[in-house]
Amino acid sequence: MPNPSIKDEELYRELREQGDSKEKAARIANAAAAEGRDTVGARGGRAGSYDDWTVDDLRKRAAELDIDGRSSMSKDELVHALRDH
């Protein structure tokens, strides 16, 4: 049964399959339904490349994502693990 508080169920399901939280997926889906997908997508955030991060910052982010083995990973391994998470 569709959730009446979600205005764009298809987009919501796609976002959840990508791993977005329920809250984030609902927020994006509802904004897209109200303003249009192109408008919402155009204002999306821009993140710097993991290649530019320090090893300490990469390890902190890996810890937030609970990536196993992060303490012994090299910078390249951390970047790869974060990108593939």
C-alpha atoms as a PDB file:
ATOM      1  CA  MET A   1       0.000   0.000   0.000  1.00  0.00           C
ATOM      2  CA  PRO A   2       1.453   3.413  -0.933  1.00  0.00           C
ATOM      3  CA  ASN A   3       2.395   5.800   1.836  1.00  0.00           C
ATOM      4  CA  PRO A   4       0.197   8.928   1.566  1.00  0.00           C
ATOM      5  CA  SER A   5       2.955  11.133   3.006  1.00  0.00           C
ATOM      6  CA  ILE A   6       5.290  10.237   0.102  1.00  0.00           C
ATOM      7  CA  LYS A   7       4.395  12.237  -2.989  1.00  0.00           C
ATOM      8  CA  ASP A   8       6.718  10.502  -5.497  1.00  0.00           C
ATOM      9  CA  GLU A   9       6.736   6.793  -4.572  1.00  0.00           C
ATOM     10  CA  GLU A  10       8.877   5.746  -7.543  1.00  0.00           C
ATOM     11  CA  LEU A  11      11.678   8.163  -6.694  1.00  0.00           C
ATOM     12  CA  TYR A  12      11.387   7.253  -3.012  1.00  0.00           C
ATOM     13  CA  ARG A  13      11.883   3.546  -3.824  1.00  0.00           C
ATOM     14  CA  GLU A  14      14.858   4.302  -6.080  1.00  0.00           C
ATOM     15  CA  LEU A  15      16.525   6.365  -3.371  1.00  0.00           C
ATOM     16  CA  ARG A  16      15.931   3.691  -0.724  1.00  0.00           C
ATOM     17  CA  GLU A  17      17.445   1.053  -3.048  1.00  0.00           C
ATOM     18  CA  GLN A  18      20.522   3.279  -3.383  1.00  0.00           C
ATOM     19  CA  GLY A  19      20.856   3.222   0.388  1.00  0.00           C
ATOM     20  CA  ASP A  20      19.416   6.598   1.354  1.00  0.00           C
ATOM     21  CA  SER A  21      17.669   6.780   4.714  1.00  0.00           C
ATOM     22  CA  LYS A  22      13.882   6.821   4.845  1.00  0.00           C
ATOM     23  CA  GLU A  23      13.911  10.442   5.966  1.00  0.00           C
ATOM     24  CA  LYS A  24      16.269  11.613   3.223  1.00  0.00           C
ATOM     25  CA  ALA A  25      14.445   9.651   0.517  1.00  0.00           C
ATOM     26  CA  ALA A  26      11.079  11.062   1.633  1.00  0.00           C
ATOM     27  CA  ARG A  27      12.428  14.613   1.746  1.00  0.00           C
ATOM     28  CA  ILE A  28      13.877  14.380  -1.768  1.00  0.00           C
ATOM     29  CA  ALA A  29      10.842  12.590  -3.225  1.00  0.00           C
ATOM     30  CA  ASN A  30       8.421  15.136  -1.785  1.00  0.00           C
ATOM     31  CA  ALA A  31      10.522  18.090  -2.942  1.00  0.00           C
ATOM     32  CA  ALA A  32      10.759  16.579  -6.432  1.00  0.00           C
ATOM     33  CA  ALA A  33       6.983  16.119  -6.557  1.00  0.00           C
ATOM     34  CA  ALA A  34       6.397  19.712  -5.495  1.00  0.00           C
ATOM     35  CA  GLU A  35       9.082  21.460  -7.539  1.00  0.00           C
ATOM     36  CA  GLY A  36      10.056  18.997 -10.274  1.00  0.00           C
ATOM     37  CA  ARG A  37      12.964  16.574 -10.390  1.00  0.00           C
ATOM     38  CA  ASP A  38      15.157  18.861 -12.485  1.00  0.00           C
ATOM     39  CA  THR A  39      14.857  21.710  -9.996  1.00  0.00           C
ATOM     40  CA  VAL A  40      15.649  19.520  -7.013  1.00  0.00           C
ATOM     41  CA  GLY A  41      18.536  17.806  -8.798  1.00  0.00           C
ATOM     42  CA  ALA A  42      20.061  21.096  -9.913  1.00  0.00           C
ATOM     43  CA  ARG A  43      20.431  22.338  -6.353  1.00  0.00           C
ATOM     44  CA  GLY A  44      22.059  19.138  -5.104  1.00  0.00           C
ATOM     45  CA  GLY A  45      25.197  19.451  -3.049  1.00  0.00           C
ATOM     46  CA  ARG A  46      28.723  19.308  -4.319  1.00  0.00           C
ATOM     47  CA  ALA A  47      31.256  17.275  -2.416  1.00  0.00           C
ATOM     48  CA  GLY A  48      34.998  17.395  -2.777  1.00  0.00           C
ATOM     49  CA  SER A  49      36.901  14.381  -4.008  1.00  0.00           C
ATOM     50  CA  TYR A  50      38.039  11.827  -1.442  1.00  0.00           C
ATOM     51  CA  ASP A  51      41.438  12.102  -3.141  1.00  0.00           C
ATOM     52  CA  ASP A  52      41.812  15.556  -1.579  1.00  0.00           C
ATOM     53  CA  TRP A  53      41.022  14.363   1.976  1.00  0.00           C
ATOM     54  CA  THR A  54      43.645  13.533   4.583  1.00  0.00           C
ATOM     55  CA  VAL A  55      44.018   9.952   5.807  1.00  0.00           C
ATOM     56  CA  ASP A  56      42.672  11.012   9.227  1.00  0.00           C
ATOM     57  CA  ASP A  57      39.559  12.503   7.644  1.00  0.00           C
ATOM     58  CA  LEU A  58      39.072   9.427   5.473  1.00  0.00           C
ATOM     59  CA  ARG A  59      39.335   7.175   8.536  1.00  0.00           C
ATOM     60  CA  LYS A  60      36.811   9.308  10.414  1.00  0.00           C
ATOM     61  CA  ARG A  61      34.366   9.041   7.516  1.00  0.00           C
ATOM     62  CA  ALA A  62      34.998   5.297   7.250  1.00  0.00           C
ATOM     63  CA  ALA A  63      34.265   5.000  10.972  1.00  0.00           C
ATOM     64  CA  GLU A  64      30.955   6.850  10.486  1.00  0.00           C
ATOM     65  CA  LEU A  65      30.070   4.278   7.832  1.00  0.00           C
ATOM     66  CA  ASP A  66      31.387   1.389   9.962  1.00  0.00           C
ATOM     67  CA  ILE A  67      33.816   0.141   7.304  1.00  0.00           C
ATOM     68  CA  ASP A  68      35.760  -2.848   8.629  1.00  0.00           C
ATOM     69  CA  GLY A  69      39.563  -2.780   8.532  1.00  0.00           C
ATOM     70  CA  ARG A  70      39.767   0.988   8.152  1.00  0.00           C
ATOM     71  CA  SER A  71      42.537   1.445  10.727  1.00  0.00           C
ATOM     72  CA  SER A  72      45.042  -0.543   8.663  1.00  0.00           C
ATOM     73  CA  MET A  73      44.024   0.750   5.212  1.00  0.00           C
ATOM     74  CA  SER A  74      46.207   2.973   3.078  1.00  0.00           C
ATOM     75  CA  LYS A  75      44.806   6.188   1.660  1.00  0.00           C
ATOM     76  CA  ASP A  76      44.058   4.522  -1.695  1.00  0.00           C
ATOM     77  CA  GLU A  77      42.312   1.636   0.049  1.00  0.00           C
ATOM     78  CA  LEU A  78      40.221   4.041   2.143  1.00  0.00           C
ATOM     79  CA  VAL A  79      39.193   6.041  -0.919  1.00  0.00           C
ATOM     80  CA  HIS A  80      38.218   2.837  -2.721  1.00  0.00           C
ATOM     81  CA  ALA A  81      36.271   1.514   0.279  1.00  0.00           C
ATOM     82  CA  LEU A  82      34.393   4.797   0.712  1.00  0.00           C
ATOM     83  CA  ARG A  83      33.507   5.036  -2.956  1.00  0.00           C
ATOM     84  CA  ASP A  84      32.256   1.469  -3.053  1.00  0.00           C
ATOM     85  CA  HIS A  85      30.330   1.674   0.210  1.00  0.00           C
END
